[in-house]
Amino acid sequence: MPRYTCATATCPTGGLPFELTSAGQTYCPRCFMANALTPYAGVARIVERMVNVTEGNLMTLTASGSLGDCNTLIQQFHITLVSDDEASRPHDCVVKLGSDRRKRIDRQGPVQTGHTITHGKFAVQLGTALNAGIHLPVNETYSIDTIREAFRQSLLQRRYVRLFKETVID
């Protein structure tokens, strides 16, 4: 149902959008001023979202003693933008725990649709096991909090988590 605002300065709605109470109404239902309604188009904003990737095998269930190492690695991850050139570089260690390369976050290579690189793939690894991972879209900046939350969701779900942006109209 479309929303409207009232142009009357003294209206109790205070300029906030509302829905009409009946079809064909031409007056404000709060201040009863005739012909004061203007359609409200809304404000578009971009929201960062994430979804589990359902194809592929489940990741290794992380033992409770190793969760701390995984979370420390996730907190040290700082990449918020990846180019398609960077995404195409596989097996590049981007974060490691101290001098131990067995506990790390690796760049796992690209995710492609046809011949187009759409995402960079990153994975938390303890030894050879994949414990968590994300698909980060190329050439788009994401907040580090959203990225770290995606890693944590992956750790719990044992699946890669794909980030994406969505336009929402308020």
C-alpha atoms as a PDB file:
ATOM      1  CA  MET A   1       0.000   0.000   0.000  1.00  0.00           C
ATOM      2  CA  PRO A   2       1.436   3.433  -0.871  1.00  0.00           C
ATOM      3  CA  ARG A   3       2.519   5.785   1.865  1.00  0.00           C
ATOM      4  CA  TYR A   4       2.007   9.534   2.107  1.00  0.00           C
ATOM      5  CA  THR A   5       3.209  12.554   4.071  1.00  0.00           C
ATOM      6  CA  CYS A   6       1.173  15.557   5.151  1.00  0.00           C
ATOM      7  CA  ALA A   7       2.388  18.995   4.028  1.00  0.00           C
ATOM      8  CA  THR A   8       0.640  20.785   6.919  1.00  0.00           C
ATOM      9  CA  ALA A   9       3.248  22.141   9.383  1.00  0.00           C
ATOM     10  CA  THR A  10       1.020  21.572  12.427  1.00  0.00           C
ATOM     11  CA  CYS A  11       0.057  17.977  11.551  1.00  0.00           C
ATOM     12  CA  PRO A  12       0.597  15.456  14.407  1.00  0.00           C
ATOM     13  CA  THR A  13       2.424  13.127  11.978  1.00  0.00           C
ATOM     14  CA  GLY A  14       5.388  15.519  12.056  1.00  0.00           C
ATOM     15  CA  GLY A  15       6.121  14.847   8.405  1.00  0.00           C
ATOM     16  CA  LEU A  16       6.572  11.100   8.916  1.00  0.00           C
ATOM     17  CA  PRO A  17       5.085   8.777   6.271  1.00  0.00           C
ATOM     18  CA  PHE A  18       1.831   6.902   6.895  1.00  0.00           C
ATOM     19  CA  GLU A  19      -0.727   4.778   5.069  1.00  0.00           C
ATOM     20  CA  LEU A  20      -4.211   6.065   4.299  1.00  0.00           C
ATOM     21  CA  THR A  21      -7.189   4.657   6.177  1.00  0.00           C
ATOM     22  CA  SER A  22      -9.456   4.326   3.113  1.00  0.00           C
ATOM     23  CA  ALA A  23      -9.202   4.213  -0.667  1.00  0.00           C
ATOM     24  CA  GLY A  24      -9.672   7.480  -2.535  1.00  0.00           C
ATOM     25  CA  GLN A  25      -8.958   9.564   0.551  1.00  0.00           C
ATOM     26  CA  THR A  26      -7.790  13.121  -0.257  1.00  0.00           C
ATOM     27  CA  TYR A  27      -7.360  14.533   3.271  1.00  0.00           C
ATOM     28  CA  CYS A  28      -4.864  13.818   6.049  1.00  0.00           C
ATOM     29  CA  PRO A  29      -6.360  11.316   8.554  1.00  0.00           C
ATOM     30  CA  ARG A  30      -4.531  13.016  11.464  1.00  0.00           C
ATOM     31  CA  CYS A  31      -5.089  16.759  10.922  1.00  0.00           C
ATOM     32  CA  PHE A  32      -8.012  16.440   8.435  1.00  0.00           C
ATOM     33  CA  MET A  33      -6.469  19.046   6.090  1.00  0.00           C
ATOM     34  CA  ALA A  34      -7.759  18.629   2.518  1.00  0.00           C
ATOM     35  CA  ASN A  35      -5.301  18.271  -0.400  1.00  0.00           C
ATOM     36  CA  ALA A  36      -2.255  18.220   1.905  1.00  0.00           C
ATOM     37  CA  LEU A  37      -1.092  14.719   0.974  1.00  0.00           C
ATOM     38  CA  THR A  38       2.047  14.024  -1.052  1.00  0.00           C
ATOM     39  CA  PRO A  39       3.163  10.527  -2.079  1.00  0.00           C
ATOM     40  CA  TYR A  40       6.156   9.281  -0.103  1.00  0.00           C
ATOM     41  CA  ALA A  41       8.757   7.645  -2.326  1.00  0.00           C
ATOM     42  CA  GLY A  42      10.917   6.389   0.527  1.00  0.00           C
ATOM     43  CA  VAL A  43      14.633   6.531   1.106  1.00  0.00           C
ATOM     44  CA  ALA A  44      16.807   3.914  -0.556  1.00  0.00           C
ATOM     45  CA  ARG A  45      19.741   2.547   1.368  1.00  0.00           C
ATOM     46  CA  ILE A  46      22.196  -0.265   0.757  1.00  0.00           C
ATOM     47  CA  VAL A  47      22.260  -3.035   3.362  1.00  0.00           C
ATOM     48  CA  GLU A  48      25.013  -5.642   3.702  1.00  0.00           C
ATOM     49  CA  ARG A  49      23.628  -9.168   3.945  1.00  0.00           C
ATOM     50  CA  MET A  50      24.936 -12.739   4.058  1.00  0.00           C
ATOM     51  CA  VAL A  51      23.653 -16.150   3.042  1.00  0.00           C
ATOM     52  CA  ASN A  52      24.974 -19.705   3.484  1.00  0.00           C
ATOM     53  CA  VAL A  53      26.430 -21.356   0.404  1.00  0.00           C
ATOM     54  CA  THR A  54      24.656 -24.695   0.182  1.00  0.00           C
ATOM     55  CA  GLU A  55      26.743 -26.388  -2.502  1.00  0.00           C
ATOM     56  CA  GLY A  56      29.895 -28.259  -1.493  1.00  0.00           C
ATOM     57  CA  ASN A  57      30.852 -30.334   1.511  1.00  0.00           C
ATOM     58  CA  LEU A  58      30.456 -29.376   5.140  1.00  0.00           C
ATOM     59  CA  MET A  59      33.527 -27.868   6.778  1.00  0.00           C
ATOM     60  CA  THR A  60      35.290 -29.474   9.713  1.00  0.00           C
ATOM     61  CA  LEU A  61      33.525 -29.149  13.040  1.00  0.00           C
ATOM     62  CA  THR A  62      35.801 -26.990  15.161  1.00  0.00           C
ATOM     63  CA  ALA A  63      36.687 -28.468  18.541  1.00  0.00           C
ATOM     64  CA  SER A  64      35.835 -26.204  21.450  1.00  0.00           C
ATOM     65  CA  GLY A  65      39.526 -25.835  22.302  1.00  0.00           C
ATOM     66  CA  SER A  66      40.230 -24.481  18.806  1.00  0.00           C
ATOM     67  CA  LEU A  67      37.380 -21.948  18.714  1.00  0.00           C
ATOM     68  CA  GLY A  68      39.580 -19.390  20.439  1.00  0.00           C
ATOM     69  CA  ASP A  69      42.236 -19.722  17.713  1.00  0.00           C
ATOM     70  CA  CYS A  70      39.580 -19.351  14.995  1.00  0.00           C
ATOM     71  CA  ASN A  71      38.098 -16.263  16.656  1.00  0.00           C
ATOM     72  CA  THR A  72      41.559 -14.713  17.101  1.00  0.00           C
ATOM     73  CA  LEU A  73      42.261 -15.215  13.385  1.00  0.00           C
ATOM     74  CA  ILE A  74      38.874 -13.720  12.474  1.00  0.00           C
ATOM     75  CA  GLN A  75      39.571 -10.662  14.662  1.00  0.00           C
ATOM     76  CA  GLN A  76      42.917 -10.161  12.885  1.00  0.00           C
ATOM     77  CA  PHE A  77      41.336 -10.306   9.404  1.00  0.00           C
ATOM     78  CA  HIS A  78      41.292  -6.795   7.910  1.00  0.00           C
ATOM     79  CA  ILE A  79      40.444  -7.079   4.193  1.00  0.00           C
ATOM     80  CA  THR A  80      37.288  -5.129   3.300  1.00  0.00           C
ATOM     81  CA  LEU A  81      37.784  -4.909  -0.478  1.00  0.00           C
ATOM     82  CA  VAL A  82      39.143  -7.483  -2.915  1.00  0.00           C
ATOM     83  CA  SER A  83      39.824  -6.889  -6.605  1.00  0.00           C
ATOM     84  CA  ASP A  84      39.221  -9.603  -9.201  1.00  0.00           C
ATOM     85  CA  ASP A  85      43.015  -9.790  -9.659  1.00  0.00           C
ATOM     86  CA  GLU A  86      43.512 -10.389  -5.915  1.00  0.00           C
ATOM     87  CA  ALA A  87      40.643 -12.879  -5.835  1.00  0.00           C
ATOM     88  CA  SER A  88      42.288 -14.963  -8.546  1.00  0.00           C
ATOM     89  CA  ARG A  89      45.433 -15.543  -6.439  1.00  0.00           C
ATOM     90  CA  PRO A  90      44.983 -18.886  -4.662  1.00  0.00           C
ATOM     91  CA  HIS A  91      46.673 -20.115  -1.493  1.00  0.00           C
ATOM     92  CA  ASP A  92      47.878 -16.750  -0.305  1.00  0.00           C
ATOM     93  CA  CYS A  93      48.131 -16.623   3.499  1.00  0.00           C
ATOM     94  CA  VAL A  94      46.588 -13.309   4.600  1.00  0.00           C
ATOM     95  CA  VAL A  95      46.516 -13.843   8.397  1.00  0.00           C
ATOM     96  CA  LYS A  96      48.427 -16.282  10.574  1.00  0.00           C
ATOM     97  CA  LEU A  97      48.481 -16.926  14.292  1.00  0.00           C
ATOM     98  CA  GLY A  98      51.966 -15.984  15.506  1.00  0.00           C
ATOM     99  CA  SER A  99      54.659 -17.801  13.536  1.00  0.00           C
ATOM    100  CA  ASP A 100      52.529 -20.950  13.118  1.00  0.00           C
ATOM    101  CA  ARG A 101      51.434 -21.124   9.458  1.00  0.00           C
ATOM    102  CA  ARG A 102      49.153 -24.065  10.244  1.00  0.00           C
ATOM    103  CA  LYS A 103      46.715 -21.655  11.945  1.00  0.00           C
ATOM    104  CA  ARG A 104      45.789 -19.145   9.274  1.00  0.00           C
ATOM    105  CA  ILE A 105      43.266 -17.462   6.982  1.00  0.00           C
ATOM    106  CA  ASP A 106      44.052 -18.224   3.345  1.00  0.00           C
ATOM    107  CA  ARG A 107      42.863 -16.705   0.118  1.00  0.00           C
ATOM    108  CA  GLN A 108      41.368 -19.790  -1.545  1.00  0.00           C
ATOM    109  CA  GLY A 109      41.060 -18.399  -5.055  1.00  0.00           C
ATOM    110  CA  PRO A 110      38.152 -17.034  -7.045  1.00  0.00           C
ATOM    111  CA  VAL A 111      34.479 -17.909  -7.221  1.00  0.00           C
ATOM    112  CA  GLN A 112      33.423 -17.675 -10.857  1.00  0.00           C
ATOM    113  CA  THR A 113      30.233 -17.537 -12.868  1.00  0.00           C
ATOM    114  CA  GLY A 114      31.285 -18.700 -16.306  1.00  0.00           C
ATOM    115  CA  HIS A 115      34.545 -16.872 -16.966  1.00  0.00           C
ATOM    116  CA  THR A 116      33.706 -13.922 -14.697  1.00  0.00           C
ATOM    117  CA  ILE A 117      35.252 -13.699 -11.227  1.00  0.00           C
ATOM    118  CA  THR A 118      32.455 -12.688  -8.848  1.00  0.00           C
ATOM    119  CA  HIS A 119      33.914 -13.325  -5.379  1.00  0.00           C
ATOM    120  CA  GLY A 120      37.169 -13.908  -3.559  1.00  0.00           C
ATOM    121  CA  LYS A 121      37.117 -16.971  -1.329  1.00  0.00           C
ATOM    122  CA  PHE A 122      38.782 -16.831   2.114  1.00  0.00           C
ATOM    123  CA  ALA A 123      38.999 -19.686   4.628  1.00  0.00           C
ATOM    124  CA  VAL A 124      40.031 -20.140   8.252  1.00  0.00           C
ATOM    125  CA  GLN A 125      42.294 -23.182   8.466  1.00  0.00           C
ATOM    126  CA  LEU A 126      43.746 -25.044  11.422  1.00  0.00           C
ATOM    127  CA  GLY A 127      46.169 -27.474   9.827  1.00  0.00           C
ATOM    128  CA  THR A 128      44.653 -28.866   6.635  1.00  0.00           C
ATOM    129  CA  ALA A 129      41.028 -28.638   7.808  1.00  0.00           C
ATOM    130  CA  LEU A 130      38.748 -25.824   6.608  1.00  0.00           C
ATOM    131  CA  ASN A 131      36.938 -24.452   9.657  1.00  0.00           C
ATOM    132  CA  ALA A 132      35.149 -21.364   8.276  1.00  0.00           C
ATOM    133  CA  GLY A 133      35.033 -19.378   5.057  1.00  0.00           C
ATOM    134  CA  ILE A 134      33.473 -16.491   3.194  1.00  0.00           C
ATOM    135  CA  HIS A 135      32.820 -15.440  -0.388  1.00  0.00           C
ATOM    136  CA  LEU A 136      33.632 -11.720  -0.549  1.00  0.00           C
ATOM    137  CA  PRO A 137      32.294  -9.946  -3.684  1.00  0.00           C
ATOM    138  CA  VAL A 138      34.979  -8.394  -5.862  1.00  0.00           C
ATOM    139  CA  ASN A 139      35.296  -4.633  -6.263  1.00  0.00           C
ATOM    140  CA  GLU A 140      32.829  -3.824  -3.436  1.00  0.00           C
ATOM    141  CA  THR A 141      33.741  -2.533   0.007  1.00  0.00           C
ATOM    142  CA  TYR A 142      32.155  -4.202   3.045  1.00  0.00           C
ATOM    143  CA  SER A 143      32.358  -3.243   6.702  1.00  0.00           C
ATOM    144  CA  ILE A 144      34.848  -5.284   8.679  1.00  0.00           C
ATOM    145  CA  ASP A 145      32.129  -6.067  11.253  1.00  0.00           C
ATOM    146  CA  THR A 146      29.923  -7.670   8.567  1.00  0.00           C
ATOM    147  CA  ILE A 147      32.869  -9.672   7.234  1.00  0.00           C
ATOM    148  CA  ARG A 148      33.854 -10.938  10.679  1.00  0.00           C
ATOM    149  CA  GLU A 149      30.230 -11.835  11.455  1.00  0.00           C
ATOM    150  CA  ALA A 150      30.113 -13.824   8.195  1.00  0.00           C
ATOM    151  CA  PHE A 151      33.208 -15.772   9.293  1.00  0.00           C
ATOM    152  CA  ARG A 152      31.570 -16.472  12.685  1.00  0.00           C
ATOM    153  CA  GLN A 153      28.347 -17.639  10.996  1.00  0.00           C
ATOM    154  CA  SER A 154      30.400 -19.920   8.773  1.00  0.00           C
ATOM    155  CA  LEU A 155      32.159 -21.341  11.815  1.00  0.00           C
ATOM    156  CA  LEU A 156      28.774 -22.219  13.340  1.00  0.00           C
ATOM    157  CA  GLN A 157      27.050 -23.411  10.140  1.00  0.00           C
ATOM    158  CA  ARG A 158      30.102 -25.271   8.737  1.00  0.00           C
ATOM    159  CA  ARG A 159      29.449 -23.755   5.302  1.00  0.00           C
ATOM    160  CA  TYR A 160      30.899 -20.904   3.312  1.00  0.00           C
ATOM    161  CA  VAL A 161      28.944 -17.662   3.785  1.00  0.00           C
ATOM    162  CA  ARG A 162      28.431 -15.406   0.761  1.00  0.00           C
ATOM    163  CA  LEU A 163      28.177 -11.649   1.313  1.00  0.00           C
ATOM    164  CA  PHE A 164      25.981  -9.443  -0.872  1.00  0.00           C
ATOM    165  CA  LYS A 165      24.396  -5.998  -0.870  1.00  0.00           C
ATOM    166  CA  GLU A 166      20.712  -5.273  -1.158  1.00  0.00           C
ATOM    167  CA  THR A 167      18.853  -2.018  -1.737  1.00  0.00           C
ATOM    168  CA  VAL A 168      16.121  -1.428   0.836  1.00  0.00           C
ATOM    169  CA  ILE A 169      13.546   1.343   0.584  1.00  0.00           C
ATOM    170  CA  ASP A 170      12.307   2.687   3.919  1.00  0.00           C
END
